[in-house]
Amino acid sequence: GVSFCLFETFKARLKAWHSVETEGDLGVAWRLSAGAVAGLLAQSATYPLDIVRRRMQVHPEIYRHEAHALASILRQEGLRGWYKGLSMNWIKGPVAVGISFTVNDFLRDFVANL
């Protein structure tokens, strides 16, 4: 959701910045970059929710609900607790999102032109 919205926004900005008429005129490198940045930002923004989901799956007896988990982690571990492990996801996430969105764009264009 968030990453797709950001990807489309970045593509529109790149399209205007490069003064091209269609998204198809944007190069592969620009699409990959837009996808990578979109993935990085979206993943960073939503990562605390991933932490909560994982913690609630592993220790369902500790947390009553999502808000309780967020508050407990913040109180016990500080803001760092919400972002444990994010640096590893910064390595794999943007690459995967960039490739996925770029391939999706090319396939969508291909099918539309059949």
PDB file of N, CA and C in Angstrom:
ATOM      1  N   GLY A   1       0.797  -1.190   0.000  1.00  0.00           N
ATOM      2  CA  GLY A   1       0.000   0.000   0.000  1.00  0.00           C
ATOM      3  C   GLY A   1       0.841   1.256   0.000  1.00  0.00           C
ATOM      4  N   VAL A   2       1.572   1.495   1.076  1.00  0.00           N
ATOM      5  CA  VAL A   2       2.346   2.725   1.210  1.00  0.00           C
ATOM      6  C   VAL A   2       3.453   2.767   0.164  1.00  0.00           C
ATOM      7  N   SER A   3       4.147   1.663  -0.021  1.00  0.00           N
ATOM      8  CA  SER A   3       5.258   1.658  -0.973  1.00  0.00           C
ATOM      9  C   SER A   3       4.765   1.862  -2.403  1.00  0.00           C
ATOM     10  N   PHE A   4       3.615   1.281  -2.755  1.00  0.00           N
ATOM     11  CA  PHE A   4       3.080   1.449  -4.095  1.00  0.00           C
ATOM     12  C   PHE A   4       2.686   2.915  -4.331  1.00  0.00           C
ATOM     13  N   CYS A   5       2.061   3.521  -3.345  1.00  0.00           N
ATOM     14  CA  CYS A   5       1.679   4.930  -3.449  1.00  0.00           C
ATOM     15  C   CYS A   5       2.912   5.810  -3.640  1.00  0.00           C
ATOM     16  N   LEU A   6       3.944   5.566  -2.843  1.00  0.00           N
ATOM     17  CA  LEU A   6       5.182   6.334  -2.973  1.00  0.00           C
ATOM     18  C   LEU A   6       5.846   6.103  -4.324  1.00  0.00           C
ATOM     19  N   PHE A   7       5.843   4.871  -4.796  1.00  0.00           N
ATOM     20  CA  PHE A   7       6.435   4.549  -6.091  1.00  0.00           C
ATOM     21  C   PHE A   7       5.752   5.333  -7.211  1.00  0.00           C
ATOM     22  N   GLU A   8       4.440   5.327  -7.214  1.00  0.00           N
ATOM     23  CA  GLU A   8       3.701   6.060  -8.246  1.00  0.00           C
ATOM     24  C   GLU A   8       3.952   7.560  -8.145  1.00  0.00           C
ATOM     25  N   THR A   9       4.047   8.074  -6.928  1.00  0.00           N
ATOM     26  CA  THR A   9       4.338   9.497  -6.730  1.00  0.00           C
ATOM     27  C   THR A   9       5.726   9.841  -7.241  1.00  0.00           C
ATOM     28  N   PHE A  10       6.707   9.019  -6.908  1.00  0.00           N
ATOM     29  CA  PHE A  10       8.078   9.272  -7.372  1.00  0.00           C
ATOM     30  C   PHE A  10       8.173   9.201  -8.891  1.00  0.00           C
ATOM     31  N   LYS A  11       7.462   8.235  -9.495  1.00  0.00           N
ATOM     32  CA  LYS A  11       7.478   8.131 -10.963  1.00  0.00           C
ATOM     33  C   LYS A  11       6.880   9.384 -11.595  1.00  0.00           C
ATOM     34  N   ALA A  12       5.795   9.884 -11.027  1.00  0.00           N
ATOM     35  CA  ALA A  12       5.170  11.094 -11.564  1.00  0.00           C
ATOM     36  C   ALA A  12       6.121  12.287 -11.455  1.00  0.00           C
ATOM     37  N   ARG A  13       6.816  12.386 -10.326  1.00  0.00           N
ATOM     38  CA  ARG A  13       7.795  13.479 -10.155  1.00  0.00           C
ATOM     39  C   ARG A  13       8.948  13.332 -11.135  1.00  0.00           C
ATOM     40  N   LEU A  14       9.440  12.126 -11.317  1.00  0.00           N
ATOM     41  CA  LEU A  14      10.529  11.891 -12.268  1.00  0.00           C
ATOM     42  C   LEU A  14      10.088  12.190 -13.694  1.00  0.00           C
ATOM     43  N   LYS A  15       8.873  11.833 -14.006  1.00  0.00           N
ATOM     44  CA  LYS A  15       8.330  12.095 -15.337  1.00  0.00           C
ATOM     45  C   LYS A  15       8.308  13.600 -15.605  1.00  0.00           C
ATOM     46  N   ALA A  16       7.859  14.381 -14.632  1.00  0.00           N
ATOM     47  CA  ALA A  16       7.833  15.844 -14.779  1.00  0.00           C
ATOM     48  C   ALA A  16       9.247  16.420 -14.809  1.00  0.00           C
ATOM     49  N   TRP A  17      10.118  15.885 -13.959  1.00  0.00           N
ATOM     50  CA  TRP A  17      11.486  16.392 -13.865  1.00  0.00           C
ATOM     51  C   TRP A  17      12.255  16.165 -15.168  1.00  0.00           C
ATOM     52  N   HIS A  18      12.028  15.016 -15.792  1.00  0.00           N
ATOM     53  CA  HIS A  18      12.718  14.684 -17.036  1.00  0.00           C
ATOM     54  C   HIS A  18      11.944  15.134 -18.278  1.00  0.00           C
ATOM     55  N   SER A  19      10.789  15.736 -18.070  1.00  0.00           N
ATOM     56  CA  SER A  19       9.939  16.231 -19.166  1.00  0.00           C
ATOM     57  C   SER A  19       9.636  15.154 -20.208  1.00  0.00           C
ATOM     58  N   VAL A  20       9.225  13.997 -19.723  1.00  0.00           N
ATOM     59  CA  VAL A  20       8.822  12.926 -20.635  1.00  0.00           C
ATOM     60  C   VAL A  20       7.304  12.836 -20.631  1.00  0.00           C
ATOM     61  N   GLU A  21       6.750  12.363 -21.730  1.00  0.00           N
ATOM     62  CA  GLU A  21       5.294  12.326 -21.864  1.00  0.00           C
ATOM     63  C   GLU A  21       4.648  11.149 -21.154  1.00  0.00           C
ATOM     64  N   THR A  22       5.264   9.974 -21.224  1.00  0.00           N
ATOM     65  CA  THR A  22       4.678   8.785 -20.621  1.00  0.00           C
ATOM     66  C   THR A  22       5.660   8.153 -19.643  1.00  0.00           C
ATOM     67  N   GLU A  23       5.101   7.360 -18.748  1.00  0.00           N
ATOM     68  CA  GLU A  23       5.960   6.643 -17.801  1.00  0.00           C
ATOM     69  C   GLU A  23       6.863   5.658 -18.529  1.00  0.00           C
ATOM     70  N   GLY A  24       6.402   5.175 -19.664  1.00  0.00           N
ATOM     71  CA  GLY A  24       7.196   4.238 -20.448  1.00  0.00           C
ATOM     72  C   GLY A  24       8.501   4.842 -20.927  1.00  0.00           C
ATOM     73  N   ASP A  25       8.552   6.175 -20.984  1.00  0.00           N
ATOM     74  CA  ASP A  25       9.772   6.850 -21.411  1.00  0.00           C
ATOM     75  C   ASP A  25      10.806   6.972 -20.293  1.00  0.00           C
ATOM     76  N   LEU A  26      10.404   6.674 -19.063  1.00  0.00           N
ATOM     77  CA  LEU A  26      11.372   6.674 -17.956  1.00  0.00           C
ATOM     78  C   LEU A  26      12.272   5.451 -18.087  1.00  0.00           C
ATOM     79  N   GLY A  27      13.532   5.627 -17.853  1.00  0.00           N
ATOM     80  CA  GLY A  27      14.469   4.515 -17.951  1.00  0.00           C
ATOM     81  C   GLY A  27      14.320   3.516 -16.819  1.00  0.00           C
ATOM     82  N   VAL A  28      14.883   2.356 -17.037  1.00  0.00           N
ATOM     83  CA  VAL A  28      14.830   1.288 -16.033  1.00  0.00           C
ATOM     84  C   VAL A  28      15.501   1.736 -14.735  1.00  0.00           C
ATOM     85  N   ALA A  29      16.628   2.405 -14.845  1.00  0.00           N
ATOM     86  CA  ALA A  29      17.354   2.844 -13.644  1.00  0.00           C
ATOM     87  C   ALA A  29      16.505   3.780 -12.797  1.00  0.00           C
ATOM     88  N   TRP A  30      15.751   4.672 -13.452  1.00  0.00           N
ATOM     89  CA  TRP A  30      14.897   5.598 -12.694  1.00  0.00           C
ATOM     90  C   TRP A  30      13.751   4.860 -12.020  1.00  0.00           C
ATOM     91  N   ARG A  31      13.194   3.885 -12.699  1.00  0.00           N
ATOM     92  CA  ARG A  31      12.107   3.096 -12.094  1.00  0.00           C
ATOM     93  C   ARG A  31      12.627   2.267 -10.918  1.00  0.00           C
ATOM     94  N   LEU A  32      13.783   1.640 -11.107  1.00  0.00           N
ATOM     95  CA  LEU A  32      14.380   0.873 -10.007  1.00  0.00           C
ATOM     96  C   LEU A  32      14.662   1.774  -8.813  1.00  0.00           C
ATOM     97  N   SER A  33      15.189   2.962  -9.077  1.00  0.00           N
ATOM     98  CA  SER A  33      15.493   3.908  -7.995  1.00  0.00           C
ATOM     99  C   SER A  33      14.229   4.350  -7.274  1.00  0.00           C
ATOM    100  N   ALA A  34      13.192   4.658  -8.044  1.00  0.00           N
ATOM    101  CA  ALA A  34      11.923   5.069  -7.437  1.00  0.00           C
ATOM    102  C   ALA A  34      11.361   3.953  -6.558  1.00  0.00           C
ATOM    103  N   GLY A  35      11.438   2.726  -7.040  1.00  0.00           N
ATOM    104  CA  GLY A  35      10.955   1.588  -6.258  1.00  0.00           C
ATOM    105  C   GLY A  35      11.778   1.348  -5.012  1.00  0.00           C
ATOM    106  N   ALA A  36      13.092   1.496  -5.137  1.00  0.00           N
ATOM    107  CA  ALA A  36      13.970   1.277  -3.987  1.00  0.00           C
ATOM    108  C   ALA A  36      13.720   2.318  -2.899  1.00  0.00           C
ATOM    109  N   VAL A  37      13.621   3.577  -3.284  1.00  0.00           N
ATOM    110  CA  VAL A  37      13.377   4.634  -2.293  1.00  0.00           C
ATOM    111  C   VAL A  37      11.987   4.469  -1.681  1.00  0.00           C
ATOM    112  N   ALA A  38      10.997   4.142  -2.510  1.00  0.00           N
ATOM    113  CA  ALA A  38       9.646   3.919  -1.997  1.00  0.00           C
ATOM    114  C   ALA A  38       9.636   2.773  -0.985  1.00  0.00           C
ATOM    115  N   GLY A  39      10.319   1.687  -1.308  1.00  0.00           N
ATOM    116  CA  GLY A  39      10.392   0.553  -0.389  1.00  0.00           C
ATOM    117  C   GLY A  39      11.094   0.897   0.907  1.00  0.00           C
ATOM    118  N   LEU A  40      12.178   1.634   0.804  1.00  0.00           N
ATOM    119  CA  LEU A  40      12.941   2.035   1.986  1.00  0.00           C
ATOM    120  C   LEU A  40      12.095   2.896   2.924  1.00  0.00           C
ATOM    121  N   LEU A  41      11.420   3.897   2.367  1.00  0.00           N
ATOM    122  CA  LEU A  41      10.604   4.793   3.191  1.00  0.00           C
ATOM    123  C   LEU A  41       9.393   4.082   3.786  1.00  0.00           C
ATOM    124  N   ALA A  42       8.710   3.292   2.982  1.00  0.00           N
ATOM    125  CA  ALA A  42       7.526   2.592   3.475  1.00  0.00           C
ATOM    126  C   ALA A  42       7.892   1.576   4.552  1.00  0.00           C
ATOM    127  N   GLN A  43       8.983   0.866   4.318  1.00  0.00           N
ATOM    128  CA  GLN A  43       9.415  -0.127   5.295  1.00  0.00           C
ATOM    129  C   GLN A  43       9.817   0.534   6.617  1.00  0.00           C
ATOM    130  N   SER A  44      10.485   1.658   6.527  1.00  0.00           N
ATOM    131  CA  SER A  44      10.892   2.378   7.734  1.00  0.00           C
ATOM    132  C   SER A  44       9.684   2.896   8.503  1.00  0.00           C
ATOM    133  N   ALA A  45       8.673   3.364   7.787  1.00  0.00           N
ATOM    134  CA  ALA A  45       7.487   3.914   8.436  1.00  0.00           C
ATOM    135  C   ALA A  45       6.632   2.840   9.102  1.00  0.00           C
ATOM    136  N   THR A  46       6.582   1.673   8.508  1.00  0.00           N
ATOM    137  CA  THR A  46       5.687   0.624   9.022  1.00  0.00           C
ATOM    138  C   THR A  46       6.401  -0.441   9.850  1.00  0.00           C
ATOM    139  N   TYR A  47       7.702  -0.334  10.000  1.00  0.00           N
ATOM    140  CA  TYR A  47       8.467  -1.377  10.691  1.00  0.00           C
ATOM    141  C   TYR A  47       8.008  -1.628  12.134  1.00  0.00           C
ATOM    142  N   PRO A  48       7.659  -0.586  12.905  1.00  0.00           N
ATOM    143  CA  PRO A  48       7.173  -0.880  14.265  1.00  0.00           C
ATOM    144  C   PRO A  48       5.978  -1.827  14.291  1.00  0.00           C
ATOM    145  N   LEU A  49       5.128  -1.756  13.285  1.00  0.00           N
ATOM    146  CA  LEU A  49       3.983  -2.672  13.231  1.00  0.00           C
ATOM    147  C   LEU A  49       4.433  -4.108  12.953  1.00  0.00           C
ATOM    148  N   ASP A  50       5.498  -4.271  12.180  1.00  0.00           N
ATOM    149  CA  ASP A  50       6.061  -5.606  11.966  1.00  0.00           C
ATOM    150  C   ASP A  50       6.639  -6.164  13.263  1.00  0.00           C
ATOM    151  N   ILE A  51       7.296  -5.303  14.020  1.00  0.00           N
ATOM    152  CA  ILE A  51       7.842  -5.721  15.321  1.00  0.00           C
ATOM    153  C   ILE A  51       6.709  -6.201  16.221  1.00  0.00           C
ATOM    154  N   VAL A  52       5.633  -5.428  16.286  1.00  0.00           N
ATOM    155  CA  VAL A  52       4.487  -5.789  17.125  1.00  0.00           C
ATOM    156  C   VAL A  52       3.887  -7.116  16.667  1.00  0.00           C
ATOM    157  N   ARG A  53       3.714  -7.288  15.366  1.00  0.00           N
ATOM    158  CA  ARG A  53       3.140  -8.541  14.845  1.00  0.00           C
ATOM    159  C   ARG A  53       3.995  -9.738  15.248  1.00  0.00           C
ATOM    160  N   ARG A  54       5.316  -9.608  15.058  1.00  0.00           N
ATOM    161  CA  ARG A  54       6.202 -10.721  15.402  1.00  0.00           C
ATOM    162  C   ARG A  54       6.185 -11.013  16.900  1.00  0.00           C
ATOM    163  N   ARG A  55       6.247  -9.969  17.696  1.00  0.00           N
ATOM    164  CA  ARG A  55       6.262 -10.179  19.151  1.00  0.00           C
ATOM    165  C   ARG A  55       4.963 -10.811  19.629  1.00  0.00           C
ATOM    166  N   MET A  56       3.839 -10.378  19.059  1.00  0.00           N
ATOM    167  CA  MET A  56       2.555 -10.940  19.483  1.00  0.00           C
ATOM    168  C   MET A  56       2.396 -12.390  19.027  1.00  0.00           C
ATOM    169  N   GLN A  57       3.030 -12.748  17.914  1.00  0.00           N
ATOM    170  CA  GLN A  57       2.984 -14.136  17.461  1.00  0.00           C
ATOM    171  C   GLN A  57       3.831 -15.037  18.354  1.00  0.00           C
ATOM    172  N   VAL A  58       4.985 -14.536  18.755  1.00  0.00           N
ATOM    173  CA  VAL A  58       5.906 -15.342  19.563  1.00  0.00           C
ATOM    174  C   VAL A  58       5.482 -15.384  21.025  1.00  0.00           C
ATOM    175  N   HIS A  59       4.973 -14.261  21.543  1.00  0.00           N
ATOM    176  CA  HIS A  59       4.587 -14.163  22.958  1.00  0.00           C
ATOM    177  C   HIS A  59       3.160 -13.631  23.094  1.00  0.00           C
ATOM    178  N   PRO A  60       2.166 -14.404  22.698  1.00  0.00           N
ATOM    179  CA  PRO A  60       0.783 -13.896  22.765  1.00  0.00           C
ATOM    180  C   PRO A  60       0.299 -13.649  24.191  1.00  0.00           C
ATOM    181  N   GLU A  61       0.930 -14.301  25.155  1.00  0.00           N
ATOM    182  CA  GLU A  61       0.503 -14.146  26.548  1.00  0.00           C
ATOM    183  C   GLU A  61       0.959 -12.824  27.170  1.00  0.00           C
ATOM    184  N   ILE A  62       1.937 -12.169  26.576  1.00  0.00           N
ATOM    185  CA  ILE A  62       2.493 -10.939  27.155  1.00  0.00           C
ATOM    186  C   ILE A  62       1.670  -9.705  26.786  1.00  0.00           C
ATOM    187  N   TYR A  63       1.184  -9.645  25.547  1.00  0.00           N
ATOM    188  CA  TYR A  63       0.539  -8.428  25.050  1.00  0.00           C
ATOM    189  C   TYR A  63      -0.960  -8.624  24.884  1.00  0.00           C
ATOM    190  N   ARG A  64      -1.732  -7.651  25.358  1.00  0.00           N
ATOM    191  CA  ARG A  64      -3.193  -7.733  25.268  1.00  0.00           C
ATOM    192  C   ARG A  64      -3.708  -7.344  23.878  1.00  0.00           C
ATOM    193  N   HIS A  65      -3.087  -6.344  23.265  1.00  0.00           N
ATOM    194  CA  HIS A  65      -3.479  -5.872  21.938  1.00  0.00           C
ATOM    195  C   HIS A  65      -2.318  -5.067  21.360  1.00  0.00           C
ATOM    196  N   GLU A  66      -2.473  -4.592  20.137  1.00  0.00           N
ATOM    197  CA  GLU A  66      -1.378  -3.939  19.429  1.00  0.00           C
ATOM    198  C   GLU A  66      -0.880  -2.691  20.145  1.00  0.00           C
ATOM    199  N   ALA A  67      -1.816  -1.862  20.616  1.00  0.00           N
ATOM    200  CA  ALA A  67      -1.415  -0.625  21.299  1.00  0.00           C
ATOM    201  C   ALA A  67      -0.639  -0.941  22.579  1.00  0.00           C
ATOM    202  N   HIS A  68      -1.052  -1.990  23.277  1.00  0.00           N
ATOM    203  CA  HIS A  68      -0.343  -2.399  24.487  1.00  0.00           C
ATOM    204  C   HIS A  68       1.064  -2.872  24.147  1.00  0.00           C
ATOM    205  N   ALA A  69       1.192  -3.601  23.059  1.00  0.00           N
ATOM    206  CA  ALA A  69       2.518  -4.068  22.626  1.00  0.00           C
ATOM    207  C   ALA A  69       3.413  -2.894  22.259  1.00  0.00           C
ATOM    208  N   LEU A  70       2.889  -1.951  21.483  1.00  0.00           N
ATOM    209  CA  LEU A  70       3.685  -0.765  21.107  1.00  0.00           C
ATOM    210  C   LEU A  70       4.150  -0.009  22.348  1.00  0.00           C
ATOM    211  N   ALA A  71       3.225   0.222  23.280  1.00  0.00           N
ATOM    212  CA  ALA A  71       3.561   0.966  24.500  1.00  0.00           C
ATOM    213  C   ALA A  71       4.561   0.193  25.364  1.00  0.00           C
ATOM    214  N   SER A  72       4.373  -1.106  25.486  1.00  0.00           N
ATOM    215  CA  SER A  72       5.281  -1.925  26.310  1.00  0.00           C
ATOM    216  C   SER A  72       6.696  -1.930  25.739  1.00  0.00           C
ATOM    217  N   ILE A  73       6.794  -2.094  24.447  1.00  0.00           N
ATOM    218  CA  ILE A  73       8.117  -2.111  23.808  1.00  0.00           C
ATOM    219  C   ILE A  73       8.790  -0.753  23.978  1.00  0.00           C
ATOM    220  N   LEU A  74       8.033   0.306  23.782  1.00  0.00           N
ATOM    221  CA  LEU A  74       8.592   1.653  23.935  1.00  0.00           C
ATOM    222  C   LEU A  74       9.048   1.895  25.372  1.00  0.00           C
ATOM    223  N   ARG A  75       8.252   1.502  26.333  1.00  0.00           N
ATOM    224  CA  ARG A  75       8.580   1.708  27.743  1.00  0.00           C
ATOM    225  C   ARG A  75       9.800   0.879  28.164  1.00  0.00           C
ATOM    226  N   GLN A  76       9.876  -0.373  27.720  1.00  0.00           N
ATOM    227  CA  GLN A  76      10.940  -1.264  28.163  1.00  0.00           C
ATOM    228  C   GLN A  76      12.235  -1.119  27.376  1.00  0.00           C
ATOM    229  N   GLU A  77      12.130  -0.815  26.075  1.00  0.00           N
ATOM    230  CA  GLU A  77      13.320  -0.808  25.220  1.00  0.00           C
ATOM    231  C   GLU A  77      13.614   0.546  24.584  1.00  0.00           C
ATOM    232  N   GLY A  78      12.690   1.476  24.741  1.00  0.00           N
ATOM    233  CA  GLY A  78      12.865   2.773  24.107  1.00  0.00           C
ATOM    234  C   GLY A  78      12.500   2.714  22.627  1.00  0.00           C
ATOM    235  N   LEU A  79      12.728   3.813  21.954  1.00  0.00           N
ATOM    236  CA  LEU A  79      12.398   3.902  20.529  1.00  0.00           C
ATOM    237  C   LEU A  79      13.165   2.882  19.704  1.00  0.00           C
ATOM    238  N   ARG A  80      14.347   2.524  20.157  1.00  0.00           N
ATOM    239  CA  ARG A  80      15.156   1.509  19.458  1.00  0.00           C
ATOM    240  C   ARG A  80      14.456   0.171  19.348  1.00  0.00           C
ATOM    241  N   GLY A  81      13.638  -0.154  20.339  1.00  0.00           N
ATOM    242  CA  GLY A  81      12.917  -1.426  20.335  1.00  0.00           C
ATOM    243  C   GLY A  81      11.970  -1.554  19.162  1.00  0.00           C
ATOM    244  N   TRP A  82      11.437  -0.427  18.687  1.00  0.00           N
ATOM    245  CA  TRP A  82      10.523  -0.445  17.553  1.00  0.00           C
ATOM    246  C   TRP A  82      11.250  -0.707  16.239  1.00  0.00           C
ATOM    247  N   TYR A  83      12.555  -0.489  16.235  1.00  0.00           N
ATOM    248  CA  TYR A  83      13.312  -0.585  14.980  1.00  0.00           C
ATOM    249  C   TYR A  83      14.416  -1.635  15.000  1.00  0.00           C
ATOM    250  N   LYS A  84      14.364  -2.578  15.937  1.00  0.00           N
ATOM    251  CA  LYS A  84      15.356  -3.649  15.974  1.00  0.00           C
ATOM    252  C   LYS A  84      15.296  -4.470  14.692  1.00  0.00           C
ATOM    253  N   GLY A  85      16.435  -4.633  14.046  1.00  0.00           N
ATOM    254  CA  GLY A  85      16.498  -5.428  12.832  1.00  0.00           C
ATOM    255  C   GLY A  85      16.208  -4.675  11.552  1.00  0.00           C
ATOM    256  N   LEU A  86      15.880  -3.402  11.653  1.00  0.00           N
ATOM    257  CA  LEU A  86      15.535  -2.632  10.450  1.00  0.00           C
ATOM    258  C   LEU A  86      16.713  -2.501   9.497  1.00  0.00           C
ATOM    259  N   SER A  87      17.911  -2.388  10.038  1.00  0.00           N
ATOM    260  CA  SER A  87      19.074  -2.190   9.159  1.00  0.00           C
ATOM    261  C   SER A  87      19.253  -3.357   8.184  1.00  0.00           C
ATOM    262  N   MET A  88      18.982  -4.570   8.618  1.00  0.00           N
ATOM    263  CA  MET A  88      19.086  -5.716   7.705  1.00  0.00           C
ATOM    264  C   MET A  88      18.013  -5.638   6.624  1.00  0.00           C
ATOM    265  N   ASN A  89      16.832  -5.161   6.984  1.00  0.00           N
ATOM    266  CA  ASN A  89      15.773  -5.019   5.988  1.00  0.00           C
ATOM    267  C   ASN A  89      16.079  -3.905   4.995  1.00  0.00           C
ATOM    268  N   TRP A  90      16.868  -2.920   5.399  1.00  0.00           N
ATOM    269  CA  TRP A  90      17.260  -1.859   4.477  1.00  0.00           C
ATOM    270  C   TRP A  90      18.151  -2.408   3.370  1.00  0.00           C
ATOM    271  N   ILE A  91      18.813  -3.510   3.631  1.00  0.00           N
ATOM    272  CA  ILE A  91      19.686  -4.105   2.615  1.00  0.00           C
ATOM    273  C   ILE A  91      18.859  -4.863   1.577  1.00  0.00           C
ATOM    274  N   LYS A  92      17.937  -5.697   2.039  1.00  0.00           N
ATOM    275  CA  LYS A  92      17.184  -6.532   1.099  1.00  0.00           C
ATOM    276  C   LYS A  92      15.908  -5.876   0.587  1.00  0.00           C
ATOM    277  N   GLY A  93      15.243  -5.101   1.407  1.00  0.00           N
ATOM    278  CA  GLY A  93      13.936  -4.550   1.061  1.00  0.00           C
ATOM    279  C   GLY A  93      13.911  -3.654  -0.165  1.00  0.00           C
ATOM    280  N   PRO A  94      14.720  -2.596  -0.195  1.00  0.00           N
ATOM    281  CA  PRO A  94      14.666  -1.691  -1.356  1.00  0.00           C
ATOM    282  C   PRO A  94      14.988  -2.375  -2.677  1.00  0.00           C
ATOM    283  N   VAL A  95      15.908  -3.315  -2.654  1.00  0.00           N
ATOM    284  CA  VAL A  95      16.252  -4.044  -3.881  1.00  0.00           C
ATOM    285  C   VAL A  95      15.043  -4.847  -4.354  1.00  0.00           C
ATOM    286  N   ALA A  96      14.425  -5.565  -3.442  1.00  0.00           N
ATOM    287  CA  ALA A  96      13.268  -6.398  -3.795  1.00  0.00           C
ATOM    288  C   ALA A  96      12.098  -5.558  -4.282  1.00  0.00           C
ATOM    289  N   VAL A  97      11.805  -4.462  -3.590  1.00  0.00           N
ATOM    290  CA  VAL A  97      10.683  -3.611  -3.993  1.00  0.00           C
ATOM    291  C   VAL A  97      10.971  -2.944  -5.328  1.00  0.00           C
ATOM    292  N   GLY A  98      12.193  -2.435  -5.512  1.00  0.00           N
ATOM    293  CA  GLY A  98      12.562  -1.802  -6.778  1.00  0.00           C
ATOM    294  C   GLY A  98      12.398  -2.738  -7.950  1.00  0.00           C
ATOM    295  N   ILE A  99      12.884  -3.955  -7.803  1.00  0.00           N
ATOM    296  CA  ILE A  99      12.768  -4.945  -8.883  1.00  0.00           C
ATOM    297  C   ILE A  99      11.304  -5.330  -9.109  1.00  0.00           C
ATOM    298  N   SER A 100      10.576  -5.581  -8.042  1.00  0.00           N
ATOM    299  CA  SER A 100       9.168  -5.993  -8.165  1.00  0.00           C
ATOM    300  C   SER A 100       8.329  -4.937  -8.873  1.00  0.00           C
ATOM    301  N   PHE A 101       8.466  -3.687  -8.452  1.00  0.00           N
ATOM    302  CA  PHE A 101       7.657  -2.631  -9.057  1.00  0.00           C
ATOM    303  C   PHE A 101       8.064  -2.365 -10.499  1.00  0.00           C
ATOM    304  N   THR A 102       9.353  -2.446 -10.781  1.00  0.00           N
ATOM    305  CA  THR A 102       9.806  -2.220 -12.156  1.00  0.00           C
ATOM    306  C   THR A 102       9.303  -3.325 -13.082  1.00  0.00           C
ATOM    307  N   VAL A 103       9.420  -4.566 -12.649  1.00  0.00           N
ATOM    308  CA  VAL A 103       8.909  -5.694 -13.449  1.00  0.00           C
ATOM    309  C   VAL A 103       7.396  -5.559 -13.612  1.00  0.00           C
ATOM    310  N   ASN A 104       6.702  -5.193 -12.545  1.00  0.00           N
ATOM    311  CA  ASN A 104       5.256  -5.000 -12.622  1.00  0.00           C
ATOM    312  C   ASN A 104       4.905  -3.938 -13.669  1.00  0.00           C
ATOM    313  N   ASP A 105       5.643  -2.836 -13.672  1.00  0.00           N
ATOM    314  CA  ASP A 105       5.407  -1.779 -14.664  1.00  0.00           C
ATOM    315  C   ASP A 105       5.584  -2.286 -16.089  1.00  0.00           C
ATOM    316  N   PHE A 106       6.689  -2.979 -16.330  1.00  0.00           N
ATOM    317  CA  PHE A 106       6.954  -3.470 -17.677  1.00  0.00           C
ATOM    318  C   PHE A 106       5.929  -4.504 -18.115  1.00  0.00           C
ATOM    319  N   LEU A 107       5.547  -5.391 -17.221  1.00  0.00           N
ATOM    320  CA  LEU A 107       4.524  -6.389 -17.565  1.00  0.00           C
ATOM    321  C   LEU A 107       3.177  -5.741 -17.821  1.00  0.00           C
ATOM    322  N   ARG A 108       2.815  -4.753 -16.993  1.00  0.00           N
ATOM    323  CA  ARG A 108       1.564  -4.044 -17.190  1.00  0.00           C
ATOM    324  C   ARG A 108       1.542  -3.336 -18.557  1.00  0.00           C
ATOM    325  N   ASP A 109       2.647  -2.683 -18.908  1.00  0.00           N
ATOM    326  CA  ASP A 109       2.751  -2.021 -20.211  1.00  0.00           C
ATOM    327  C   ASP A 109       2.687  -3.024 -21.348  1.00  0.00           C
ATOM    328  N   PHE A 110       3.361  -4.165 -21.170  1.00  0.00           N
ATOM    329  CA  PHE A 110       3.368  -5.211 -22.188  1.00  0.00           C
ATOM    330  C   PHE A 110       1.971  -5.748 -22.448  1.00  0.00           C
ATOM    331  N   VAL A 111       1.257  -6.056 -21.370  1.00  0.00           N
ATOM    332  CA  VAL A 111      -0.087  -6.607 -21.509  1.00  0.00           C
ATOM    333  C   VAL A 111      -1.031  -5.558 -22.095  1.00  0.00           C
ATOM    334  N   ALA A 112      -0.869  -4.306 -21.728  1.00  0.00           N
ATOM    335  CA  ALA A 112      -1.737  -3.246 -22.255  1.00  0.00           C
ATOM    336  C   ALA A 112      -1.537  -3.058 -23.759  1.00  0.00           C
ATOM    337  N   ASN A 113      -0.360  -3.378 -24.268  1.00  0.00           N
ATOM    338  CA  ASN A 113      -0.060  -3.195 -25.689  1.00  0.00           C
ATOM    339  C   ASN A 113      -0.309  -4.440 -26.530  1.00  0.00           C
ATOM    340  N   LEU A 114      -0.852  -5.499 -25.943  1.00  0.00           N
ATOM    341  CA  LEU A 114      -1.142  -6.721 -26.707  1.00  0.00           C
ATOM    342  C   LEU A 114      -2.319  -6.528 -27.631  1.00  0.00           C
TER     343      LEU A 114
END
